[in-house]
Amino acid sequence: MQTEAVIFTAVGQADVQTVDVPDPGPGQVQVRTRYSTISAGTEGWILHNRFTWAPTQYPCIPGYQRVGVVAAVGPEVTGWAVGDRVMATRSGWPAPLTAQSGAHAALGNTPAPELYRVPDTVHDVDAAGTVVAQVGYNAAQRAQIAPGDWAVVYGDGLIGQCAAQAIRARGARVILVGHRAERLALAAQHSADGVINSHEQDVVEAVRRQIGAETVTVVLDSVQAESAQREYVPLLARGQGQIVYCGFTPGTVWADMALLQQREVTTHFVSGWNRPRMDATLALMAAGKLSLQPLITHLTPYRDGAAMYRMIAEKREAFLGITLDWTAQP
């Protein structure tokens, strides 16, 4: 069979092409995609071969989160049936294609362990961004907090917004710091108790004014830049403050470790996904406490996929969440 997919053909080059898709092999489930969500940061690094954890091999199919319906079940698979609604992560592809991680396709074969059952009350668009939402969920779970504690989230992208929603679900009060007015407006509506534009205000003074105290319990940092760290560290009490780093950076030095040691700050690092985290994220969505839908600024036909990557690279218009709609596929 053949299917349409987003292809990174070379450094900085994206296209939508028709590719061959085999029948599902042993342990694989074939999923027909309804929606897939772009992880703008990570996939942007991959497109430009700057994702240092795994150099890009072109041509490749990007993406690691989609929602759809089981179209076929391969040998040695139990527990899944044609017609099941699923959230899927990685998909495999035959040469000459490689998978980075292969999810932006109308039809793709996913290892059965990388499928997740979607609760009936979770909307497809929410489920299509489960991996990114899970990064925020995981960051929020790492923090040691009590109900009513204040948390500061650095970064107004999807990870920061989901981290803010997830830690609010634990009873924390949240200030989200960013510098894009349109994203901060969405955060004020859907993700945080207060927002601060770091390009317009002194962050430490603005936070202290909003919370009526000198320090906060934790900073969830999805920016991961030394300049950001130096900006928020004064908000953390010496020997008590916590930082959860919850993003990707292509560099090797992006935090002043000496400063963390001097202030005796506890730090946490999170990456990747696993079944308990993903299931818990979907459960939080089902409970109405975590939602991507209002943060999706571009719900666009998959044929515009290449244009979306150009938009991300060129920053020619404001965006937050970008979800590709595959429901009109031939």
Protein backbone atom coordinates (compact mmCIF):
# COMPACT_ATOMS: atom_id res chain seq x y z
CA MET A 1 0.00 0.00 0.00
CA GLN A 2 0.91 3.65 -0.21
CA THR A 3 0.29 6.53 2.13
CA GLU A 4 1.04 10.22 2.40
CA ALA A 5 3.57 11.45 4.93
CA VAL A 6 5.61 14.47 5.93
CA ILE A 7 9.21 13.91 4.81
CA PHE A 8 12.36 15.73 5.84
CA THR A 9 14.28 15.33 2.57
CA ALA A 10 17.44 17.24 3.51
CA VAL A 11 18.66 19.77 6.06
CA GLY A 12 15.96 22.43 6.35
CA GLN A 13 13.81 20.84 3.63
CA ALA A 14 10.33 19.42 4.33
CA ASP A 15 7.76 18.03 1.90
CA VAL A 16 4.58 15.95 1.83
CA GLN A 17 5.05 12.86 -0.32
CA THR A 18 3.48 9.52 -1.13
CA VAL A 19 5.47 6.60 0.31
CA ASP A 20 5.15 2.84 0.53
CA VAL A 21 3.81 1.34 3.75
CA PRO A 22 4.09 -2.43 4.28
CA ASP A 23 1.64 -4.63 6.11
CA PRO A 24 2.24 -4.62 9.87
CA GLY A 25 4.94 -7.07 10.89
CA PRO A 26 5.19 -9.19 14.04
CA GLY A 27 4.39 -7.10 17.08
CA GLN A 28 3.17 -4.15 15.01
CA VAL A 29 -0.21 -2.46 14.70
CA GLN A 30 -1.17 -0.37 11.68
CA VAL A 31 -2.88 2.88 12.64
CA ARG A 32 -4.80 5.22 10.35
CA THR A 33 -4.06 8.72 11.62
CA ARG A 34 -6.73 11.28 12.41
CA TYR A 35 -4.50 13.99 13.89
CA SER A 36 -0.80 14.39 14.62
CA THR A 37 0.75 17.23 16.60
CA ILE A 38 4.07 18.86 15.77
CA SER A 39 6.60 19.22 18.56
CA ALA A 40 7.95 22.50 17.22
CA GLY A 41 11.14 22.59 19.28
CA THR A 42 12.37 19.02 18.93
CA GLU A 43 11.21 18.55 15.34
CA GLY A 44 12.74 21.88 14.40
CA TRP A 45 16.09 20.70 15.76
CA ILE A 46 15.70 17.42 13.83
CA LEU A 47 14.84 19.21 10.58
CA HIS A 48 18.00 21.30 10.82
CA ASN A 49 20.14 18.38 12.10
CA ARG A 50 20.73 20.01 15.46
CA PHE A 51 19.15 17.32 17.64
CA THR A 52 22.36 16.15 19.28
CA TRP A 53 20.87 13.08 20.96
CA ALA A 54 20.38 11.41 17.56
CA PRO A 55 21.75 12.95 14.32
CA THR A 56 19.15 13.14 11.57
CA GLN A 57 19.37 10.65 8.70
CA TYR A 58 17.61 11.94 5.60
CA PRO A 59 15.11 11.25 4.16
CA CYS A 60 13.05 10.68 7.29
CA ILE A 61 9.53 10.93 8.64
CA PRO A 62 9.34 13.06 11.79
CA GLY A 63 6.83 13.16 14.62
CA TYR A 64 6.20 11.14 17.76
CA GLN A 65 2.53 11.69 18.59
CA ARG A 66 -0.66 10.96 16.70
CA VAL A 67 -4.17 9.71 17.36
CA GLY A 68 -6.11 7.42 15.07
CA VAL A 69 -7.87 4.11 14.56
CA VAL A 70 -6.39 0.63 14.28
CA ALA A 71 -6.52 -0.44 10.62
CA ALA A 72 -4.73 -3.80 10.85
CA VAL A 73 -3.07 -5.97 13.48
CA GLY A 74 0.17 -7.82 12.81
CA PRO A 75 1.18 -11.30 13.99
CA GLU A 76 1.93 -11.86 17.68
CA VAL A 77 -0.20 -8.90 18.80
CA THR A 78 -2.86 -9.30 21.47
CA GLY A 79 -5.17 -6.79 23.11
CA TRP A 80 -5.81 -4.64 20.04
CA ALA A 81 -8.48 -4.93 17.37
CA VAL A 82 -9.37 -3.18 14.14
CA GLY A 83 -11.41 -0.07 14.95
CA ASP A 84 -9.82 0.65 18.35
CA ARG A 85 -9.09 4.34 18.96
CA VAL A 86 -5.47 4.76 19.99
CA MET A 87 -2.75 7.25 20.68
CA ALA A 88 0.46 6.13 18.94
CA THR A 89 4.05 7.28 19.25
CA ARG A 90 6.81 5.85 17.05
CA SER A 91 6.27 4.26 13.63
CA GLY A 92 8.78 2.23 11.63
CA TRP A 93 9.56 2.72 7.93
CA PRO A 94 11.39 0.65 5.33
CA ALA A 95 14.56 1.89 3.58
CA PRO A 96 15.43 4.34 2.21
CA LEU A 97 13.26 6.15 4.77
CA THR A 98 14.20 6.40 8.42
CA ALA A 99 11.97 7.29 11.34
CA GLN A 100 12.53 10.40 13.45
CA SER A 101 10.22 9.07 15.07
CA GLY A 102 7.93 8.48 12.09
CA ALA A 103 4.45 9.55 13.21
CA HIS A 104 3.46 12.26 10.71
CA ALA A 105 1.85 9.90 8.20
CA ALA A 106 -1.67 8.99 7.20
CA LEU A 107 -0.97 5.31 7.80
CA GLY A 108 1.89 3.82 9.78
CA ASN A 109 2.99 0.72 11.66
CA THR A 110 3.64 1.21 15.36
CA PRO A 111 5.07 -1.34 17.84
CA ALA A 112 2.21 -2.54 20.02
CA PRO A 113 3.91 -1.37 23.25
CA GLU A 114 3.83 2.19 21.85
CA LEU A 115 0.01 2.28 21.65
CA TYR A 116 -2.19 3.85 24.32
CA ARG A 117 -5.90 3.46 24.79
CA VAL A 118 -7.66 6.84 24.68
CA PRO A 119 -10.42 7.45 27.25
CA ASP A 120 -13.80 8.16 25.66
CA THR A 121 -13.94 11.68 27.10
CA VAL A 122 -10.57 12.74 25.66
CA HIS A 123 -10.85 14.67 22.39
CA ASP A 124 -8.75 13.52 19.43
CA VAL A 125 -6.85 16.81 19.30
CA ASP A 126 -5.88 16.50 22.97
CA ALA A 127 -4.78 12.89 22.49
CA ALA A 128 -2.69 13.83 19.44
CA GLY A 129 -0.36 15.83 21.69
CA THR A 130 -0.05 13.38 24.55
CA VAL A 131 3.75 13.07 24.45
CA VAL A 132 4.34 16.82 24.73
CA ALA A 133 1.65 17.08 27.40
CA GLN A 134 3.38 14.24 29.25
CA VAL A 135 6.63 16.21 29.41
CA GLY A 136 4.75 18.93 31.26
CA TYR A 137 2.95 16.37 33.43
CA ASN A 138 6.21 14.66 34.35
CA ALA A 139 7.85 17.95 35.28
CA ALA A 140 4.93 18.83 37.53
CA GLN A 141 5.08 15.45 39.27
CA ARG A 142 8.77 15.81 40.12
CA ALA A 143 8.25 18.90 42.25
CA GLN A 144 7.78 18.58 46.01
CA ILE A 145 4.83 20.90 46.67
CA ALA A 146 1.86 21.34 48.95
CA PRO A 147 -1.56 22.74 47.97
CA GLY A 148 -1.40 26.51 47.81
CA ASP A 149 2.36 26.66 47.13
CA TRP A 150 3.53 28.98 44.39
CA ALA A 151 5.31 27.67 41.30
CA VAL A 152 6.88 29.62 38.46
CA VAL A 153 6.89 28.11 34.97
CA TYR A 154 9.49 29.44 32.57
CA GLY A 155 8.48 29.18 28.93
CA ASP A 156 5.23 29.92 27.11
CA GLY A 157 5.35 26.99 24.65
CA LEU A 158 3.28 23.82 24.84
CA ILE A 159 5.56 22.15 27.38
CA GLY A 160 5.47 25.15 29.69
CA GLN A 161 1.70 25.52 29.36
CA CYS A 162 1.10 21.81 30.05
CA ALA A 163 3.48 21.91 33.02
CA ALA A 164 1.51 24.85 34.40
CA GLN A 165 -1.81 23.04 33.99
CA ALA A 166 -0.44 19.85 35.53
CA ILE A 167 1.04 21.48 38.61
CA ARG A 168 -2.17 23.48 39.09
CA ALA A 169 -3.97 20.13 39.11
CA ARG A 170 -1.83 19.28 42.16
CA GLY A 171 -3.11 22.36 43.96
CA ALA A 172 -0.26 24.77 43.25
CA ARG A 173 -0.71 28.39 42.22
CA VAL A 174 1.20 29.24 39.07
CA ILE A 175 2.93 32.21 37.48
CA LEU A 176 3.95 31.59 33.86
CA VAL A 177 6.85 33.62 32.44
CA GLY A 178 7.33 34.14 28.71
CA HIS A 179 7.79 36.88 26.15
CA ARG A 180 5.17 36.28 23.45
CA ALA A 181 2.05 38.34 24.11
CA GLU A 182 -0.33 36.01 22.25
CA ARG A 183 0.93 32.93 24.14
CA LEU A 184 0.77 34.70 27.48
CA ALA A 185 -2.83 35.64 26.75
CA LEU A 186 -3.65 31.95 26.22
CA ALA A 187 -1.76 31.03 29.40
CA ALA A 188 -3.76 33.56 31.39
CA GLN A 189 -6.99 31.99 30.10
CA HIS A 190 -6.13 28.30 30.32
CA SER A 191 -2.88 27.48 32.13
CA ALA A 192 -1.80 29.85 34.92
CA ASP A 193 -2.99 32.09 37.74
CA GLY A 194 -0.81 34.93 36.51
CA VAL A 195 1.56 35.70 33.63
CA ILE A 196 4.65 37.87 33.25
CA ASN A 197 6.25 39.16 30.06
CA SER A 198 10.00 38.92 30.72
CA HIS A 199 10.72 41.44 27.94
CA GLU A 200 8.59 44.08 29.63
CA GLN A 201 8.99 43.50 33.38
CA ASP A 202 11.63 42.63 35.93
CA VAL A 203 10.67 39.01 36.59
CA VAL A 204 11.72 38.81 40.25
CA GLU A 205 9.96 42.05 41.18
CA ALA A 206 6.83 41.13 39.20
CA VAL A 207 6.60 37.64 40.75
CA ARG A 208 7.07 38.95 44.28
CA ARG A 209 4.44 41.61 43.67
CA GLN A 210 1.92 39.06 42.40
CA ILE A 211 2.44 36.45 45.13
CA GLY A 212 3.12 38.77 48.07
CA ALA A 213 6.20 36.83 49.12
CA GLU A 214 9.95 36.71 48.43
CA THR A 215 10.29 33.14 47.21
CA VAL A 216 8.43 30.37 45.40
CA THR A 217 8.59 26.64 46.02
CA VAL A 218 9.70 25.51 42.56
CA VAL A 219 10.57 26.71 39.06
CA LEU A 220 9.62 24.47 36.13
CA ASP A 221 12.10 25.50 33.42
CA SER A 222 11.21 24.61 29.82
CA VAL A 223 13.59 27.24 28.41
CA GLN A 224 16.87 25.84 29.73
CA ALA A 225 19.17 28.78 29.12
CA GLU A 226 21.72 30.20 31.53
CA SER A 227 20.23 33.68 31.12
CA ALA A 228 16.83 32.36 32.25
CA GLN A 229 18.38 30.54 35.19
CA ARG A 230 20.11 33.68 36.45
CA GLU A 231 16.82 35.54 36.12
CA TYR A 232 14.75 33.21 38.32
CA VAL A 233 17.25 31.80 40.85
CA PRO A 234 16.74 34.75 43.26
CA LEU A 235 13.14 33.50 43.66
CA LEU A 236 14.34 30.24 45.22
CA ALA A 237 15.18 30.07 48.92
CA ARG A 238 18.71 28.87 49.64
CA GLY A 239 18.70 25.20 50.63
CA GLN A 240 14.98 24.82 49.87
CA GLY A 241 14.35 25.85 46.28
CA GLN A 242 13.72 23.38 43.47
CA ILE A 243 14.18 23.52 39.71
CA VAL A 244 12.72 21.01 37.27
CA TYR A 245 14.36 21.18 33.83
CA CYS A 246 11.85 20.00 31.24
CA GLY A 247 12.96 20.80 27.73
CA PHE A 248 15.66 20.04 25.18
CA THR A 249 18.67 22.17 24.36
CA PRO A 250 21.23 21.37 21.65
CA GLY A 251 24.04 22.80 23.74
CA THR A 252 26.14 21.15 26.43
CA VAL A 253 26.36 24.14 28.79
CA TRP A 254 23.09 25.91 29.56
CA ALA A 255 23.10 26.17 33.37
CA ASP A 256 25.53 27.59 35.90
CA MET A 257 26.11 24.55 38.10
CA ALA A 258 28.24 26.57 40.53
CA LEU A 259 25.31 28.91 41.16
CA LEU A 260 23.04 25.93 41.89
CA GLN A 261 25.60 24.54 44.33
CA GLN A 262 26.12 27.88 46.07
CA ARG A 263 22.39 28.19 46.70
CA GLU A 264 21.98 24.47 47.49
CA VAL A 265 19.11 24.18 45.02
CA THR A 266 17.56 20.79 44.29
CA THR A 267 17.36 20.07 40.56
CA HIS A 268 15.40 17.48 38.57
CA PHE A 269 15.81 16.44 34.94
CA VAL A 270 13.10 14.77 32.88
CA SER A 271 13.01 13.34 29.37
CA GLY A 272 11.27 10.68 27.32
CA TRP A 273 8.03 8.89 28.02
CA ASN A 274 6.83 5.61 29.50
CA ARG A 275 3.49 3.92 30.00
CA PRO A 276 2.72 5.08 33.56
CA ARG A 277 3.41 8.72 32.64
CA MET A 278 1.43 8.55 29.41
CA ASP A 279 -1.54 6.82 31.00
CA ALA A 280 -1.53 9.36 33.84
CA THR A 281 -1.45 12.23 31.33
CA LEU A 282 -4.43 10.80 29.44
CA ALA A 283 -6.25 10.34 32.76
CA LEU A 284 -5.61 14.00 33.63
CA MET A 285 -7.07 14.95 30.24
CA ALA A 286 -10.09 12.74 30.89
CA ALA A 287 -10.60 14.51 34.22
CA GLY A 288 -10.70 17.88 32.45
CA LYS A 289 -7.55 19.15 34.18
CA LEU A 290 -5.19 19.16 31.19
CA SER A 291 -6.13 20.29 27.70
CA LEU A 292 -4.24 21.13 24.54
CA GLN A 293 -7.25 22.06 22.42
CA PRO A 294 -7.38 25.76 23.41
CA LEU A 295 -3.63 26.02 22.84
CA ILE A 296 -3.75 24.75 19.24
CA THR A 297 -3.44 27.90 17.16
CA HIS A 298 -3.01 26.03 13.86
CA LEU A 299 -5.28 23.06 13.15
CA THR A 300 -4.38 22.61 9.53
CA PRO A 301 -4.71 20.03 6.72
CA TYR A 302 -1.73 17.67 6.57
CA ARG A 303 -0.96 18.85 3.05
CA ASP A 304 0.18 22.12 4.65
CA GLY A 305 2.68 20.26 6.82
CA ALA A 306 5.76 21.49 4.95
CA ALA A 307 4.49 25.07 5.16
CA MET A 308 4.11 24.69 8.93
CA TYR A 309 7.79 23.78 9.31
CA ARG A 310 8.77 26.79 7.20
CA MET A 311 6.59 28.96 9.41
CA ILE A 312 8.29 27.59 12.53
CA ALA A 313 11.76 28.20 11.12
CA GLU A 314 11.03 31.66 9.77
CA LYS A 315 8.80 32.76 12.69
CA ARG A 316 6.74 34.68 10.16
CA GLU A 317 3.55 34.50 12.23
CA ALA A 318 2.55 33.83 15.80
CA PHE A 319 1.86 30.22 16.73
CA LEU A 320 1.69 27.94 19.75
CA GLY A 321 0.29 24.46 19.04
CA ILE A 322 0.28 23.03 15.51
CA THR A 323 -1.82 19.96 14.74
CA LEU A 324 -2.08 18.29 11.34
CA ASP A 325 -5.55 17.07 10.30
CA TRP A 326 -5.42 13.77 8.38
CA THR A 327 -9.16 13.14 8.36
CA ALA A 328 -9.54 14.33 4.74
CA GLN A 329 -6.90 11.93 3.41
CA PRO A 330 -7.85 10.12 0.18
